[in-house]
Amino acid sequence: MTATAVGAPGHHPAYDWITPTEAATRLRIPVREVYRLIDRGEVPGYRLAEEIRLLAHEVDELARRRPPR
């Protein structure tokens, strides 16, 4: 299986993986709060190898649902 670059033909934005740090930046919260959101089931976290990743569109949806900070 080969990776497809963002914006390349065949790339699908539903599979844009981001780190908890990137999620924290998008949500404007501390990284530790991202892990709490995952633990509470407010946003899914996925273990890829030994690292946690989130799907960008799921984080963006959470950002739309949460009140502004």
PDB file of N, CA and C in Angstrom:
ATOM      1  N   MET A   1       0.849  -1.179   0.000  1.00  0.00           N
ATOM      2  CA  MET A   1       0.000   0.000   0.000  1.00  0.00           C
ATOM      3  C   MET A   1       0.889   1.233   0.000  1.00  0.00           C
ATOM      4  N   THR A   2       0.620   2.161  -0.864  1.00  0.00           N
ATOM      5  CA  THR A   2       1.410   3.383  -0.921  1.00  0.00           C
ATOM      6  C   THR A   2       0.586   4.555  -0.426  1.00  0.00           C
ATOM      7  N   ALA A   3       1.255   5.547   0.110  1.00  0.00           N
ATOM      8  CA  ALA A   3       0.577   6.754   0.582  1.00  0.00           C
ATOM      9  C   ALA A   3       0.268   7.649  -0.603  1.00  0.00           C
ATOM     10  N   THR A   4      -0.819   8.387  -0.501  1.00  0.00           N
ATOM     11  CA  THR A   4      -1.189   9.341  -1.528  1.00  0.00           C
ATOM     12  C   THR A   4      -1.037  10.734  -0.940  1.00  0.00           C
ATOM     13  N   ALA A   5      -0.317  11.589  -1.623  1.00  0.00           N
ATOM     14  CA  ALA A   5      -0.065  12.943  -1.121  1.00  0.00           C
ATOM     15  C   ALA A   5      -1.348  13.759  -1.100  1.00  0.00           C
ATOM     16  N   VAL A   6      -1.443  14.647  -0.124  1.00  0.00           N
ATOM     17  CA  VAL A   6      -2.587  15.547  -0.027  1.00  0.00           C
ATOM     18  C   VAL A   6      -2.698  16.346  -1.314  1.00  0.00           C
ATOM     19  N   GLY A   7      -3.898  16.410  -1.855  1.00  0.00           N
ATOM     20  CA  GLY A   7      -4.142  17.149  -3.083  1.00  0.00           C
ATOM     21  C   GLY A   7      -3.869  16.354  -4.351  1.00  0.00           C
ATOM     22  N   ALA A   8      -3.276  15.177  -4.213  1.00  0.00           N
ATOM     23  CA  ALA A   8      -2.971  14.350  -5.383  1.00  0.00           C
ATOM     24  C   ALA A   8      -4.235  13.641  -5.858  1.00  0.00           C
ATOM     25  N   PRO A   9      -4.286  13.288  -7.137  1.00  0.00           N
ATOM     26  CA  PRO A   9      -5.428  12.500  -7.605  1.00  0.00           C
ATOM     27  C   PRO A   9      -5.545  11.221  -6.776  1.00  0.00           C
ATOM     28  N   GLY A  10      -6.740  10.909  -6.352  1.00  0.00           N
ATOM     29  CA  GLY A  10      -6.945   9.726  -5.533  1.00  0.00           C
ATOM     30  C   GLY A  10      -6.884  10.007  -4.041  1.00  0.00           C
ATOM     31  N   HIS A  11      -6.441  11.209  -3.657  1.00  0.00           N
ATOM     32  CA  HIS A  11      -6.422  11.568  -2.240  1.00  0.00           C
ATOM     33  C   HIS A  11      -7.843  11.857  -1.792  1.00  0.00           C
ATOM     34  N   HIS A  12      -8.191  11.363  -0.626  1.00  0.00           N
ATOM     35  CA  HIS A  12      -9.517  11.618  -0.073  1.00  0.00           C
ATOM     36  C   HIS A  12      -9.352  12.306   1.271  1.00  0.00           C
ATOM     37  N   PRO A  13      -9.913  13.526   1.452  1.00  0.00           N
ATOM     38  CA  PRO A  13      -9.700  14.279   2.686  1.00  0.00           C
ATOM     39  C   PRO A  13     -10.235  13.584   3.927  1.00  0.00           C
ATOM     40  N   ALA A  14     -11.104  12.602   3.776  1.00  0.00           N
ATOM     41  CA  ALA A  14     -11.611  11.881   4.948  1.00  0.00           C
ATOM     42  C   ALA A  14     -10.501  11.105   5.641  1.00  0.00           C
ATOM     43  N   TYR A  15      -9.375  10.932   4.975  1.00  0.00           N
ATOM     44  CA  TYR A  15      -8.276  10.168   5.559  1.00  0.00           C
ATOM     45  C   TYR A  15      -7.053  11.032   5.833  1.00  0.00           C
ATOM     46  N   ASP A  16      -7.282  12.307   6.146  1.00  0.00           N
ATOM     47  CA  ASP A  16      -6.190  13.187   6.559  1.00  0.00           C
ATOM     48  C   ASP A  16      -5.963  12.986   8.052  1.00  0.00           C
ATOM     49  N   TRP A  17      -4.871  12.325   8.398  1.00  0.00           N
ATOM     50  CA  TRP A  17      -4.533  12.049   9.791  1.00  0.00           C
ATOM     51  C   TRP A  17      -3.773  13.228  10.374  1.00  0.00           C
ATOM     52  N   ILE A  18      -4.109  13.599  11.618  1.00  0.00           N
ATOM     53  CA  ILE A  18      -3.376  14.648  12.303  1.00  0.00           C
ATOM     54  C   ILE A  18      -2.961  14.155  13.686  1.00  0.00           C
ATOM     55  N   THR A  19      -1.963  14.797  14.240  1.00  0.00           N
ATOM     56  CA  THR A  19      -1.470  14.442  15.569  1.00  0.00           C
ATOM     57  C   THR A  19      -2.333  15.121  16.634  1.00  0.00           C
ATOM     58  N   PRO A  20      -2.252  14.648  17.874  1.00  0.00           N
ATOM     59  CA  PRO A  20      -2.949  15.346  18.959  1.00  0.00           C
ATOM     60  C   PRO A  20      -2.506  16.814  19.085  1.00  0.00           C
ATOM     61  N   THR A  21      -1.244  17.096  18.814  1.00  0.00           N
ATOM     62  CA  THR A  21      -0.767  18.474  18.864  1.00  0.00           C
ATOM     63  C   THR A  21      -1.453  19.329  17.802  1.00  0.00           C
ATOM     64  N   GLU A  22      -1.592  18.786  16.591  1.00  0.00           N
ATOM     65  CA  GLU A  22      -2.291  19.514  15.528  1.00  0.00           C
ATOM     66  C   GLU A  22      -3.765  19.696  15.874  1.00  0.00           C
ATOM     67  N   ALA A  23      -4.369  18.685  16.487  1.00  0.00           N
ATOM     68  CA  ALA A  23      -5.772  18.789  16.914  1.00  0.00           C
ATOM     69  C   ALA A  23      -5.922  19.886  17.969  1.00  0.00           C
ATOM     70  N   ALA A  24      -4.981  19.945  18.897  1.00  0.00           N
ATOM     71  CA  ALA A  24      -5.028  20.973  19.939  1.00  0.00           C
ATOM     72  C   ALA A  24      -4.968  22.367  19.319  1.00  0.00           C
ATOM     73  N   THR A  25      -4.142  22.530  18.315  1.00  0.00           N
ATOM     74  CA  THR A  25      -4.038  23.822  17.635  1.00  0.00           C
ATOM     75  C   THR A  25      -5.361  24.176  16.967  1.00  0.00           C
ATOM     76  N   ARG A  26      -5.961  23.214  16.287  1.00  0.00           N
ATOM     77  CA  ARG A  26      -7.248  23.471  15.605  1.00  0.00           C
ATOM     78  C   ARG A  26      -8.343  23.815  16.601  1.00  0.00           C
ATOM     79  N   LEU A  27      -8.313  23.149  17.762  1.00  0.00           N
ATOM     80  CA  LEU A  27      -9.363  23.351  18.765  1.00  0.00           C
ATOM     81  C   LEU A  27      -9.038  24.477  19.741  1.00  0.00           C
ATOM     82  N   ARG A  28      -7.797  24.979  19.678  1.00  0.00           N
ATOM     83  CA  ARG A  28      -7.321  26.034  20.586  1.00  0.00           C
ATOM     84  C   ARG A  28      -7.428  25.613  22.042  1.00  0.00           C
ATOM     85  N   ILE A  29      -6.940  24.389  22.307  1.00  0.00           N
ATOM     86  CA  ILE A  29      -6.922  23.841  23.662  1.00  0.00           C
ATOM     87  C   ILE A  29      -5.558  23.198  23.906  1.00  0.00           C
ATOM     88  N   PRO A  30      -5.223  22.925  25.174  1.00  0.00           N
ATOM     89  CA  PRO A  30      -3.966  22.221  25.451  1.00  0.00           C
ATOM     90  C   PRO A  30      -4.020  20.775  24.925  1.00  0.00           C
ATOM     91  N   VAL A  31      -2.866  20.233  24.621  1.00  0.00           N
ATOM     92  CA  VAL A  31      -2.787  18.861  24.108  1.00  0.00           C
ATOM     93  C   VAL A  31      -3.400  17.871  25.100  1.00  0.00           C
ATOM     94  N   ARG A  32      -3.154  18.077  26.382  1.00  0.00           N
ATOM     95  CA  ARG A  32      -3.711  17.140  27.371  1.00  0.00           C
ATOM     96  C   ARG A  32      -5.236  17.085  27.301  1.00  0.00           C
ATOM     97  N   GLU A  33      -5.874  18.207  26.918  1.00  0.00           N
ATOM     98  CA  GLU A  33      -7.328  18.223  26.778  1.00  0.00           C
ATOM     99  C   GLU A  33      -7.768  17.380  25.580  1.00  0.00           C
ATOM    100  N   VAL A  34      -6.959  17.322  24.526  1.00  0.00           N
ATOM    101  CA  VAL A  34      -7.270  16.457  23.384  1.00  0.00           C
ATOM    102  C   VAL A  34      -7.343  14.998  23.859  1.00  0.00           C
ATOM    103  N   TYR A  35      -6.382  14.592  24.679  1.00  0.00           N
ATOM    104  CA  TYR A  35      -6.404  13.228  25.198  1.00  0.00           C
ATOM    105  C   TYR A  35      -7.634  12.992  26.083  1.00  0.00           C
ATOM    106  N   ARG A  36      -8.045  14.004  26.832  1.00  0.00           N
ATOM    107  CA  ARG A  36      -9.264  13.872  27.646  1.00  0.00           C
ATOM    108  C   ARG A  36     -10.494  13.711  26.752  1.00  0.00           C
ATOM    109  N   LEU A  37     -10.546  14.474  25.665  1.00  0.00           N
ATOM    110  CA  LEU A  37     -11.666  14.341  24.723  1.00  0.00           C
ATOM    111  C   LEU A  37     -11.720  12.933  24.136  1.00  0.00           C
ATOM    112  N   ILE A  38     -10.557  12.385  23.822  1.00  0.00           N
ATOM    113  CA  ILE A  38     -10.494  11.011  23.303  1.00  0.00           C
ATOM    114  C   ILE A  38     -10.983  10.044  24.374  1.00  0.00           C
ATOM    115  N   ASP A  39     -10.496  10.203  25.605  1.00  0.00           N
ATOM    116  CA  ASP A  39     -10.897   9.311  26.698  1.00  0.00           C
ATOM    117  C   ASP A  39     -12.400   9.361  26.964  1.00  0.00           C
ATOM    118  N   ARG A  40     -12.994  10.559  26.817  1.00  0.00           N
ATOM    119  CA  ARG A  40     -14.433  10.713  27.057  1.00  0.00           C
ATOM    120  C   ARG A  40     -15.266  10.305  25.853  1.00  0.00           C
ATOM    121  N   GLY A  41     -14.628  10.002  24.733  1.00  0.00           N
ATOM    122  CA  GLY A  41     -15.356   9.582  23.540  1.00  0.00           C
ATOM    123  C   GLY A  41     -15.944  10.732  22.743  1.00  0.00           C
ATOM    124  N   GLU A  42     -15.495  11.971  23.003  1.00  0.00           N
ATOM    125  CA  GLU A  42     -16.011  13.119  22.268  1.00  0.00           C
ATOM    126  C   GLU A  42     -15.432  13.201  20.859  1.00  0.00           C
ATOM    127  N   VAL A  43     -14.261  12.633  20.680  1.00  0.00           N
ATOM    128  CA  VAL A  43     -13.634  12.534  19.364  1.00  0.00           C
ATOM    129  C   VAL A  43     -12.836  11.232  19.358  1.00  0.00           C
ATOM    130  N   PRO A  44     -12.917  10.445  18.287  1.00  0.00           N
ATOM    131  CA  PRO A  44     -12.162   9.191  18.266  1.00  0.00           C
ATOM    132  C   PRO A  44     -10.668   9.425  18.070  1.00  0.00           C
ATOM    133  N   GLY A  45      -9.887   8.653  18.772  1.00  0.00           N
ATOM    134  CA  GLY A  45      -8.443   8.609  18.560  1.00  0.00           C
ATOM    135  C   GLY A  45      -8.098   7.233  18.025  1.00  0.00           C
ATOM    136  N   TYR A  46      -7.166   7.163  17.128  1.00  0.00           N
ATOM    137  CA  TYR A  46      -6.796   5.900  16.491  1.00  0.00           C
ATOM    138  C   TYR A  46      -5.326   5.635  16.734  1.00  0.00           C
ATOM    139  N   ARG A  47      -5.015   4.422  17.119  1.00  0.00           N
ATOM    140  CA  ARG A  47      -3.617   4.054  17.318  1.00  0.00           C
ATOM    141  C   ARG A  47      -3.065   3.537  15.996  1.00  0.00           C
ATOM    142  N   LEU A  48      -2.092   4.259  15.447  1.00  0.00           N
ATOM    143  CA  LEU A  48      -1.403   3.858  14.229  1.00  0.00           C
ATOM    144  C   LEU A  48       0.027   3.544  14.636  1.00  0.00           C
ATOM    145  N   ALA A  49       0.371   2.279  14.570  1.00  0.00           N
ATOM    146  CA  ALA A  49       1.654   1.792  15.099  1.00  0.00           C
ATOM    147  C   ALA A  49       1.649   2.101  16.586  1.00  0.00           C
ATOM    148  N   GLU A  50       2.551   2.928  17.035  1.00  0.00           N
ATOM    149  CA  GLU A  50       2.609   3.247  18.474  1.00  0.00           C
ATOM    150  C   GLU A  50       2.199   4.684  18.759  1.00  0.00           C
ATOM    151  N   GLU A  51       1.538   5.317  17.799  1.00  0.00           N
ATOM    152  CA  GLU A  51       1.175   6.722  17.958  1.00  0.00           C
ATOM    153  C   GLU A  51      -0.332   6.908  17.823  1.00  0.00           C
ATOM    154  N   ILE A  52      -0.850   7.921  18.510  1.00  0.00           N
ATOM    155  CA  ILE A  52      -2.257   8.268  18.410  1.00  0.00           C
ATOM    156  C   ILE A  52      -2.422   9.289  17.286  1.00  0.00           C
ATOM    157  N   ARG A  53      -3.413   9.076  16.464  1.00  0.00           N
ATOM    158  CA  ARG A  53      -3.743  10.015  15.392  1.00  0.00           C
ATOM    159  C   ARG A  53      -5.254  10.235  15.405  1.00  0.00           C
ATOM    160  N   LEU A  54      -5.659  11.352  14.856  1.00  0.00           N
ATOM    161  CA  LEU A  54      -7.068  11.691  14.736  1.00  0.00           C
ATOM    162  C   LEU A  54      -7.346  12.023  13.278  1.00  0.00           C
ATOM    163  N   LEU A  55      -8.592  11.858  12.882  1.00  0.00           N
ATOM    164  CA  LEU A  55      -8.977  12.248  11.523  1.00  0.00           C
ATOM    165  C   LEU A  55      -9.337  13.730  11.540  1.00  0.00           C
ATOM    166  N   ALA A  56      -8.747  14.480  10.627  1.00  0.00           N
ATOM    167  CA  ALA A  56      -8.924  15.929  10.594  1.00  0.00           C
ATOM    168  C   ALA A  56     -10.395  16.319  10.517  1.00  0.00           C
ATOM    169  N   HIS A  57     -11.175  15.624   9.702  1.00  0.00           N
ATOM    170  CA  HIS A  57     -12.576  16.023   9.556  1.00  0.00           C
ATOM    171  C   HIS A  57     -13.366  15.785  10.841  1.00  0.00           C
ATOM    172  N   GLU A  58     -12.980  14.792  11.647  1.00  0.00           N
ATOM    173  CA  GLU A  58     -13.665  14.557  12.920  1.00  0.00           C
ATOM    174  C   GLU A  58     -13.318  15.653  13.930  1.00  0.00           C
ATOM    175  N   VAL A  59     -12.070  16.104  13.924  1.00  0.00           N
ATOM    176  CA  VAL A  59     -11.661  17.202  14.806  1.00  0.00           C
ATOM    177  C   VAL A  59     -12.362  18.488  14.378  1.00  0.00           C
ATOM    178  N   ASP A  60     -12.438  18.736  13.072  1.00  0.00           N
ATOM    179  CA  ASP A  60     -13.109  19.933  12.576  1.00  0.00           C
ATOM    180  C   ASP A  60     -14.596  19.927  12.940  1.00  0.00           C
ATOM    181  N   GLU A  61     -15.215  18.762  12.869  1.00  0.00           N
ATOM    182  CA  GLU A  61     -16.630  18.642  13.253  1.00  0.00           C
ATOM    183  C   GLU A  61     -16.792  18.938  14.743  1.00  0.00           C
ATOM    184  N   LEU A  62     -15.899  18.426  15.564  1.00  0.00           N
ATOM    185  CA  LEU A  62     -15.936  18.709  16.995  1.00  0.00           C
ATOM    186  C   LEU A  62     -15.787  20.210  17.236  1.00  0.00           C
ATOM    187  N   ALA A  63     -14.880  20.852  16.518  1.00  0.00           N
ATOM    188  CA  ALA A  63     -14.683  22.289  16.662  1.00  0.00           C
ATOM    189  C   ALA A  63     -15.965  23.058  16.337  1.00  0.00           C
ATOM    190  N   ARG A  64     -16.712  22.594  15.359  1.00  0.00           N
ATOM    191  CA  ARG A  64     -17.972  23.266  15.005  1.00  0.00           C
ATOM    192  C   ARG A  64     -19.043  23.082  16.097  1.00  0.00           C
ATOM    193  N   ARG A  65     -19.011  21.939  16.790  1.00  0.00           N
ATOM    194  CA  ARG A  65     -20.006  21.641  17.821  1.00  0.00           C
ATOM    195  C   ARG A  65     -19.699  22.320  19.152  1.00  0.00           C
ATOM    196  N   ARG A  66     -18.406  22.572  19.421  1.00  0.00           N
ATOM    197  CA  ARG A  66     -18.011  23.123  20.721  1.00  0.00           C
ATOM    198  C   ARG A  66     -18.201  24.632  20.747  1.00  0.00           C
ATOM    199  N   PRO A  67     -18.560  25.158  21.920  1.00  0.00           N
ATOM    200  CA  PRO A  67     -18.665  26.619  22.023  1.00  0.00           C
ATOM    201  C   PRO A  67     -17.296  27.262  21.884  1.00  0.00           C
ATOM    202  N   PRO A  68     -17.238  28.483  21.359  1.00  0.00           N
ATOM    203  CA  PRO A  68     -15.940  29.164  21.201  1.00  0.00           C
ATOM    204  C   PRO A  68     -15.281  29.390  22.552  1.00  0.00           C
ATOM    205  N   ARG A  69     -13.946  29.368  22.548  1.00  0.00           N
ATOM    206  CA  ARG A  69     -13.187  29.589  23.787  1.00  0.00           C
ATOM    207  C   ARG A  69     -12.607  30.961  23.791  1.00  0.00           C
TER     208      ARG A  69
END
